[in-house]
Amino acid sequence: MAGVAVPPWSHHLIEVTPVQIKQISNILDFVLAHPDLIGFVALILGFVFVAYLFVRRTLTGLREGFDDGYKGK
């Protein structure tokens, strides 16, 4: 193919094989067949995120309290 211009971004393209397409199809079929499981996983992830924010806020407040006590306020 002499003379065909190759775009400069073409080396970033990912080649998808038929096996990968089949795997993606299987995952999509599983997700569509089990929406309750996906909802449960989303609920667990939401709980973990809220717990992280709660612990972070608690530790930040604790540190501010220590800093204020050290400064004598």
PDB file of N, CA and C in Angstrom:
ATOM      1  N   MET A   1       0.818  -1.178   0.000  1.00  0.00           N
ATOM      2  CA  MET A   1       0.000   0.000   0.000  1.00  0.00           C
ATOM      3  C   MET A   1       0.863   1.243   0.000  1.00  0.00           C
ATOM      4  N   ALA A   2       1.626   1.376  -0.966  1.00  0.00           N
ATOM      5  CA  ALA A   2       2.477   2.550  -1.069  1.00  0.00           C
ATOM      6  C   ALA A   2       1.625   3.758  -1.399  1.00  0.00           C
ATOM      7  N   GLY A   3       1.973   4.867  -0.791  1.00  0.00           N
ATOM      8  CA  GLY A   3       1.285   6.101  -1.072  1.00  0.00           C
ATOM      9  C   GLY A   3       0.064   6.350  -0.202  1.00  0.00           C
ATOM     10  N   VAL A   4      -0.257   5.439   0.727  1.00  0.00           N
ATOM     11  CA  VAL A   4      -1.400   5.633   1.616  1.00  0.00           C
ATOM     12  C   VAL A   4      -0.932   6.424   2.825  1.00  0.00           C
ATOM     13  N   ALA A   5      -1.617   7.529   3.099  1.00  0.00           N
ATOM     14  CA  ALA A   5      -1.242   8.361   4.236  1.00  0.00           C
ATOM     15  C   ALA A   5      -1.725   7.709   5.527  1.00  0.00           C
ATOM     16  N   VAL A   6      -0.834   7.593   6.501  1.00  0.00           N
ATOM     17  CA  VAL A   6      -1.165   7.013   7.798  1.00  0.00           C
ATOM     18  C   VAL A   6      -1.327   8.151   8.794  1.00  0.00           C
ATOM     19  N   PRO A   7      -2.477   8.234   9.451  1.00  0.00           N
ATOM     20  CA  PRO A   7      -2.669   9.308  10.431  1.00  0.00           C
ATOM     21  C   PRO A   7      -1.650   9.188  11.566  1.00  0.00           C
ATOM     22  N   PRO A   8      -1.203  10.312  12.115  1.00  0.00           N
ATOM     23  CA  PRO A   8      -0.185  10.258  13.167  1.00  0.00           C
ATOM     24  C   PRO A   8      -0.676   9.591  14.451  1.00  0.00           C
ATOM     25  N   TRP A   9      -1.988   9.519  14.663  1.00  0.00           N
ATOM     26  CA  TRP A   9      -2.526   8.919  15.875  1.00  0.00           C
ATOM     27  C   TRP A   9      -2.826   7.438  15.704  1.00  0.00           C
ATOM     28  N   SER A  10      -2.535   6.861  14.538  1.00  0.00           N
ATOM     29  CA  SER A  10      -2.920   5.480  14.264  1.00  0.00           C
ATOM     30  C   SER A  10      -2.172   4.471  15.133  1.00  0.00           C
ATOM     31  N   HIS A  11      -1.013   4.837  15.656  1.00  0.00           N
ATOM     32  CA  HIS A  11      -0.276   3.889  16.505  1.00  0.00           C
ATOM     33  C   HIS A  11      -0.933   3.748  17.874  1.00  0.00           C
ATOM     34  N   HIS A  12      -1.932   4.583  18.189  1.00  0.00           N
ATOM     35  CA  HIS A  12      -2.641   4.481  19.463  1.00  0.00           C
ATOM     36  C   HIS A  12      -3.866   3.579  19.373  1.00  0.00           C
ATOM     37  N   LEU A  13      -4.227   3.143  18.185  1.00  0.00           N
ATOM     38  CA  LEU A  13      -5.403   2.310  18.031  1.00  0.00           C
ATOM     39  C   LEU A  13      -5.142   0.919  18.605  1.00  0.00           C
ATOM     40  N   ILE A  14      -6.163   0.352  19.240  1.00  0.00           N
ATOM     41  CA  ILE A  14      -6.060  -0.979  19.834  1.00  0.00           C
ATOM     42  C   ILE A  14      -6.810  -1.947  18.945  1.00  0.00           C
ATOM     43  N   GLU A  15      -6.157  -3.028  18.606  1.00  0.00           N
ATOM     44  CA  GLU A  15      -6.797  -4.043  17.782  1.00  0.00           C
ATOM     45  C   GLU A  15      -7.592  -4.981  18.684  1.00  0.00           C
ATOM     46  N   VAL A  16      -8.870  -5.153  18.382  1.00  0.00           N
ATOM     47  CA  VAL A  16      -9.745  -6.012  19.172  1.00  0.00           C
ATOM     48  C   VAL A  16      -9.937  -7.321  18.418  1.00  0.00           C
ATOM     49  N   THR A  17      -9.646  -8.416  19.105  1.00  0.00           N
ATOM     50  CA  THR A  17      -9.764  -9.732  18.480  1.00  0.00           C
ATOM     51  C   THR A  17     -11.173 -10.273  18.670  1.00  0.00           C
ATOM     52  N   PRO A  18     -11.570 -11.262  17.874  1.00  0.00           N
ATOM     53  CA  PRO A  18     -12.893 -11.875  18.046  1.00  0.00           C
ATOM     54  C   PRO A  18     -13.076 -12.510  19.430  1.00  0.00           C
ATOM     55  N   VAL A  19     -12.012 -13.007  20.017  1.00  0.00           N
ATOM     56  CA  VAL A  19     -12.101 -13.590  21.365  1.00  0.00           C
ATOM     57  C   VAL A  19     -12.460 -12.508  22.375  1.00  0.00           C
ATOM     58  N   GLN A  20     -11.852 -11.330  22.240  1.00  0.00           N
ATOM     59  CA  GLN A  20     -12.161 -10.231  23.151  1.00  0.00           C
ATOM     60  C   GLN A  20     -13.598  -9.763  22.967  1.00  0.00           C
ATOM     61  N   ILE A  21     -14.067  -9.743  21.735  1.00  0.00           N
ATOM     62  CA  ILE A  21     -15.453  -9.354  21.478  1.00  0.00           C
ATOM     63  C   ILE A  21     -16.405 -10.351  22.127  1.00  0.00           C
ATOM     64  N   LYS A  22     -16.087 -11.644  22.067  1.00  0.00           N
ATOM     65  CA  LYS A  22     -16.907 -12.677  22.706  1.00  0.00           C
ATOM     66  C   LYS A  22     -16.905 -12.507  24.218  1.00  0.00           C
ATOM     67  N   GLN A  23     -15.746 -12.181  24.800  1.00  0.00           N
ATOM     68  CA  GLN A  23     -15.663 -11.979  26.246  1.00  0.00           C
ATOM     69  C   GLN A  23     -16.504 -10.771  26.668  1.00  0.00           C
ATOM     70  N   ILE A  24     -16.423  -9.691  25.913  1.00  0.00           N
ATOM     71  CA  ILE A  24     -17.220  -8.499  26.208  1.00  0.00           C
ATOM     72  C   ILE A  24     -18.705  -8.817  26.086  1.00  0.00           C
ATOM     73  N   SER A  25     -19.061  -9.591  25.091  1.00  0.00           N
ATOM     74  CA  SER A  25     -20.453  -9.994  24.908  1.00  0.00           C
ATOM     75  C   SER A  25     -20.933 -10.828  26.093  1.00  0.00           C
ATOM     76  N   ASN A  26     -20.094 -11.740  26.580  1.00  0.00           N
ATOM     77  CA  ASN A  26     -20.466 -12.567  27.733  1.00  0.00           C
ATOM     78  C   ASN A  26     -20.653 -11.713  28.983  1.00  0.00           C
ATOM     79  N   ILE A  27     -19.776 -10.742  29.189  1.00  0.00           N
ATOM     80  CA  ILE A  27     -19.901  -9.856  30.348  1.00  0.00           C
ATOM     81  C   ILE A  27     -21.176  -9.034  30.244  1.00  0.00           C
ATOM     82  N   LEU A  28     -21.461  -8.507  29.068  1.00  0.00           N
ATOM     83  CA  LEU A  28     -22.671  -7.712  28.870  1.00  0.00           C
ATOM     84  C   LEU A  28     -23.921  -8.559  29.097  1.00  0.00           C
ATOM     85  N   ASP A  29     -23.915  -9.800  28.619  1.00  0.00           N
ATOM     86  CA  ASP A  29     -25.050 -10.699  28.845  1.00  0.00           C
ATOM     87  C   ASP A  29     -25.245 -10.961  30.336  1.00  0.00           C
ATOM     88  N   PHE A  30     -24.152 -11.151  31.074  1.00  0.00           N
ATOM     89  CA  PHE A  30     -24.238 -11.390  32.515  1.00  0.00           C
ATOM     90  C   PHE A  30     -24.817 -10.179  33.227  1.00  0.00           C
ATOM     91  N   VAL A  31     -24.348  -8.990  32.869  1.00  0.00           N
ATOM     92  CA  VAL A  31     -24.833  -7.764  33.515  1.00  0.00           C
ATOM     93  C   VAL A  31     -26.321  -7.571  33.241  1.00  0.00           C
ATOM     94  N   LEU A  32     -26.742  -7.796  32.028  1.00  0.00           N
ATOM     95  CA  LEU A  32     -28.154  -7.614  31.688  1.00  0.00           C
ATOM     96  C   LEU A  32     -29.039  -8.692  32.309  1.00  0.00           C
ATOM     97  N   ALA A  33     -28.480  -9.875  32.570  1.00  0.00           N
ATOM     98  CA  ALA A  33     -29.259 -10.960  33.150  1.00  0.00           C
ATOM     99  C   ALA A  33     -29.350 -10.857  34.667  1.00  0.00           C
ATOM    100  N   HIS A  34     -28.459 -10.097  35.317  1.00  0.00           N
ATOM    101  CA  HIS A  34     -28.423 -10.003  36.776  1.00  0.00           C
ATOM    102  C   HIS A  34     -28.400  -8.546  37.242  1.00  0.00           C
ATOM    103  N   PRO A  35     -29.452  -7.791  36.990  1.00  0.00           N
ATOM    104  CA  PRO A  35     -29.438  -6.385  37.410  1.00  0.00           C
ATOM    105  C   PRO A  35     -29.454  -6.229  38.937  1.00  0.00           C
ATOM    106  N   ASP A  36     -30.035  -7.208  39.659  1.00  0.00           N
ATOM    107  CA  ASP A  36     -30.049  -7.125  41.114  1.00  0.00           C
ATOM    108  C   ASP A  36     -28.639  -7.249  41.696  1.00  0.00           C
ATOM    109  N   LEU A  37     -27.806  -8.084  41.109  1.00  0.00           N
ATOM    110  CA  LEU A  37     -26.423  -8.223  41.565  1.00  0.00           C
ATOM    111  C   LEU A  37     -25.646  -6.939  41.308  1.00  0.00           C
ATOM    112  N   ILE A  38     -25.876  -6.326  40.164  1.00  0.00           N
ATOM    113  CA  ILE A  38     -25.201  -5.068  39.843  1.00  0.00           C
ATOM    114  C   ILE A  38     -25.645  -3.973  40.811  1.00  0.00           C
ATOM    115  N   GLY A  39     -26.927  -3.954  41.150  1.00  0.00           N
ATOM    116  CA  GLY A  39     -27.425  -2.991  42.120  1.00  0.00           C
ATOM    117  C   GLY A  39     -26.799  -3.207  43.489  1.00  0.00           C
ATOM    118  N   PHE A  40     -26.643  -4.468  43.880  1.00  0.00           N
ATOM    119  CA  PHE A  40     -26.024  -4.785  45.166  1.00  0.00           C
ATOM    120  C   PHE A  40     -24.562  -4.339  45.189  1.00  0.00           C
ATOM    121  N   VAL A  41     -23.838  -4.576  44.120  1.00  0.00           N
ATOM    122  CA  VAL A  41     -22.438  -4.142  44.036  1.00  0.00           C
ATOM    123  C   VAL A  41     -22.364  -2.614  44.094  1.00  0.00           C
ATOM    124  N   ALA A  42     -23.262  -1.931  43.416  1.00  0.00           N
ATOM    125  CA  ALA A  42     -23.290  -0.460  43.467  1.00  0.00           C
ATOM    126  C   ALA A  42     -23.591   0.021  44.881  1.00  0.00           C
ATOM    127  N   LEU A  43     -24.489  -0.659  45.589  1.00  0.00           N
ATOM    128  CA  LEU A  43     -24.815  -0.303  46.972  1.00  0.00           C
ATOM    129  C   LEU A  43     -23.598  -0.486  47.885  1.00  0.00           C
ATOM    130  N   ILE A  44     -22.896  -1.586  47.724  1.00  0.00           N
ATOM    131  CA  ILE A  44     -21.688  -1.842  48.526  1.00  0.00           C
ATOM    132  C   ILE A  44     -20.623  -0.782  48.227  1.00  0.00           C
ATOM    133  N   LEU A  45     -20.410  -0.459  46.961  1.00  0.00           N
ATOM    134  CA  LEU A  45     -19.422   0.568  46.610  1.00  0.00           C
ATOM    135  C   LEU A  45     -19.822   1.923  47.177  1.00  0.00           C
ATOM    136  N   GLY A  46     -21.111   2.244  47.140  1.00  0.00           N
ATOM    137  CA  GLY A  46     -21.586   3.491  47.728  1.00  0.00           C
ATOM    138  C   GLY A  46     -21.340   3.531  49.225  1.00  0.00           C
ATOM    139  N   PHE A  47     -21.595   2.417  49.911  1.00  0.00           N
ATOM    140  CA  PHE A  47     -21.347   2.354  51.341  1.00  0.00           C
ATOM    141  C   PHE A  47     -19.865   2.552  51.658  1.00  0.00           C
ATOM    142  N   VAL A  48     -18.999   1.911  50.903  1.00  0.00           N
ATOM    143  CA  VAL A  48     -17.556   2.057  51.122  1.00  0.00           C
ATOM    144  C   VAL A  48     -17.131   3.505  50.901  1.00  0.00           C
ATOM    145  N   PHE A  49     -17.664   4.153  49.878  1.00  0.00           N
ATOM    146  CA  PHE A  49     -17.318   5.540  49.599  1.00  0.00           C
ATOM    147  C   PHE A  49     -17.777   6.461  50.727  1.00  0.00           C
ATOM    148  N   VAL A  50     -19.004   6.280  51.207  1.00  0.00           N
ATOM    149  CA  VAL A  50     -19.517   7.104  52.300  1.00  0.00           C
ATOM    150  C   VAL A  50     -18.721   6.843  53.579  1.00  0.00           C
ATOM    151  N   ALA A  51     -18.372   5.588  53.848  1.00  0.00           N
ATOM    152  CA  ALA A  51     -17.571   5.269  55.031  1.00  0.00           C
ATOM    153  C   ALA A  51     -16.195   5.926  54.938  1.00  0.00           C
ATOM    154  N   TYR A  52     -15.601   5.928  53.761  1.00  0.00           N
ATOM    155  CA  TYR A  52     -14.308   6.589  53.573  1.00  0.00           C
ATOM    156  C   TYR A  52     -14.418   8.082  53.874  1.00  0.00           C
ATOM    157  N   LEU A  53     -15.463   8.723  53.342  1.00  0.00           N
ATOM    158  CA  LEU A  53     -15.637  10.146  53.593  1.00  0.00           C
ATOM    159  C   LEU A  53     -15.861  10.428  55.070  1.00  0.00           C
ATOM    160  N   PHE A  54     -16.613   9.563  55.761  1.00  0.00           N
ATOM    161  CA  PHE A  54     -16.858   9.738  57.182  1.00  0.00           C
ATOM    162  C   PHE A  54     -15.565   9.627  57.986  1.00  0.00           C
ATOM    163  N   VAL A  55     -14.770   8.603  57.697  1.00  0.00           N
ATOM    164  CA  VAL A  55     -13.503   8.416  58.417  1.00  0.00           C
ATOM    165  C   VAL A  55     -12.552   9.563  58.112  1.00  0.00           C
ATOM    166  N   ARG A  56     -12.507  10.002  56.879  1.00  0.00           N
ATOM    167  CA  ARG A  56     -11.625  11.114  56.526  1.00  0.00           C
ATOM    168  C   ARG A  56     -12.022  12.390  57.261  1.00  0.00           C
ATOM    169  N   ARG A  57     -13.317  12.654  57.321  1.00  0.00           N
ATOM    170  CA  ARG A  57     -13.803  13.842  58.027  1.00  0.00           C
ATOM    171  C   ARG A  57     -13.492  13.753  59.525  1.00  0.00           C
ATOM    172  N   THR A  58     -13.655  12.570  60.093  1.00  0.00           N
ATOM    173  CA  THR A  58     -13.375  12.378  61.514  1.00  0.00           C
ATOM    174  C   THR A  58     -11.899  12.603  61.812  1.00  0.00           C
ATOM    175  N   LEU A  59     -11.032  12.021  61.009  1.00  0.00           N
ATOM    176  CA  LEU A  59      -9.592  12.168  61.247  1.00  0.00           C
ATOM    177  C   LEU A  59      -9.121  13.601  60.990  1.00  0.00           C
ATOM    178  N   THR A  60      -9.717  14.264  60.005  1.00  0.00           N
ATOM    179  CA  THR A  60      -9.370  15.661  59.744  1.00  0.00           C
ATOM    180  C   THR A  60      -9.775  16.543  60.922  1.00  0.00           C
ATOM    181  N   GLY A  61     -10.965  16.314  61.462  1.00  0.00           N
ATOM    182  CA  GLY A  61     -11.404  17.073  62.633  1.00  0.00           C
ATOM    183  C   GLY A  61     -10.537  16.796  63.842  1.00  0.00           C
ATOM    184  N   LEU A  62     -10.124  15.551  64.006  1.00  0.00           N
ATOM    185  CA  LEU A  62      -9.238  15.191  65.106  1.00  0.00           C
ATOM    186  C   LEU A  62      -7.902  15.911  64.986  1.00  0.00           C
ATOM    187  N   ARG A  63      -7.368  15.943  63.796  1.00  0.00           N
ATOM    188  CA  ARG A  63      -6.093  16.626  63.593  1.00  0.00           C
ATOM    189  C   ARG A  63      -6.227  18.129  63.846  1.00  0.00           C
ATOM    190  N   GLU A  64      -7.317  18.739  63.368  1.00  0.00           N
ATOM    191  CA  GLU A  64      -7.537  20.169  63.620  1.00  0.00           C
ATOM    192  C   GLU A  64      -7.659  20.436  65.121  1.00  0.00           C
ATOM    193  N   GLY A  65      -8.309  19.532  65.847  1.00  0.00           N
ATOM    194  CA  GLY A  65      -8.422  19.684  67.294  1.00  0.00           C
ATOM    195  C   GLY A  65      -7.070  19.603  67.975  1.00  0.00           C
ATOM    196  N   PHE A  66      -6.232  18.661  67.539  1.00  0.00           N
ATOM    197  CA  PHE A  66      -4.882  18.558  68.099  1.00  0.00           C
ATOM    198  C   PHE A  66      -4.073  19.811  67.801  1.00  0.00           C
ATOM    199  N   ASP A  67      -4.200  20.306  66.564  1.00  0.00           N
ATOM    200  CA  ASP A  67      -3.453  21.522  66.180  1.00  0.00           C
ATOM    201  C   ASP A  67      -3.915  22.725  67.001  1.00  0.00           C
ATOM    202  N   ASP A  68      -5.220  22.860  67.183  1.00  0.00           N
ATOM    203  CA  ASP A  68      -5.746  23.979  67.983  1.00  0.00           C
ATOM    204  C   ASP A  68      -5.294  23.861  69.448  1.00  0.00           C
ATOM    205  N   GLY A  69      -5.284  22.634  69.967  1.00  0.00           N
ATOM    206  CA  GLY A  69      -4.834  22.446  71.334  1.00  0.00           C
ATOM    207  C   GLY A  69      -3.355  22.726  71.503  1.00  0.00           C
ATOM    208  N   TYR A  70      -2.572  22.387  70.502  1.00  0.00           N
ATOM    209  CA  TYR A  70      -1.134  22.620  70.568  1.00  0.00           C
ATOM    210  C   TYR A  70      -0.830  24.123  70.519  1.00  0.00           C
ATOM    211  N   LYS A  71      -1.620  24.860  69.725  1.00  0.00           N
ATOM    212  CA  LYS A  71      -1.417  26.301  69.595  1.00  0.00           C
ATOM    213  C   LYS A  71      -1.959  27.060  70.806  1.00  0.00           C
ATOM    214  N   GLY A  72      -2.756  26.396  71.640  1.00  0.00           N
ATOM    215  CA  GLY A  72      -3.281  27.028  72.829  1.00  0.00           C
ATOM    216  C   GLY A  72      -4.553  27.810  72.613  1.00  0.00           C
ATOM    217  N   LYS A  73      -5.302  27.490  71.591  1.00  0.00           N
ATOM    218  CA  LYS A  73      -6.540  28.234  71.324  1.00  0.00           C
ATOM    219  C   LYS A  73      -7.661  27.692  72.158  1.00  0.00           C
TER     220      LYS A  73
END
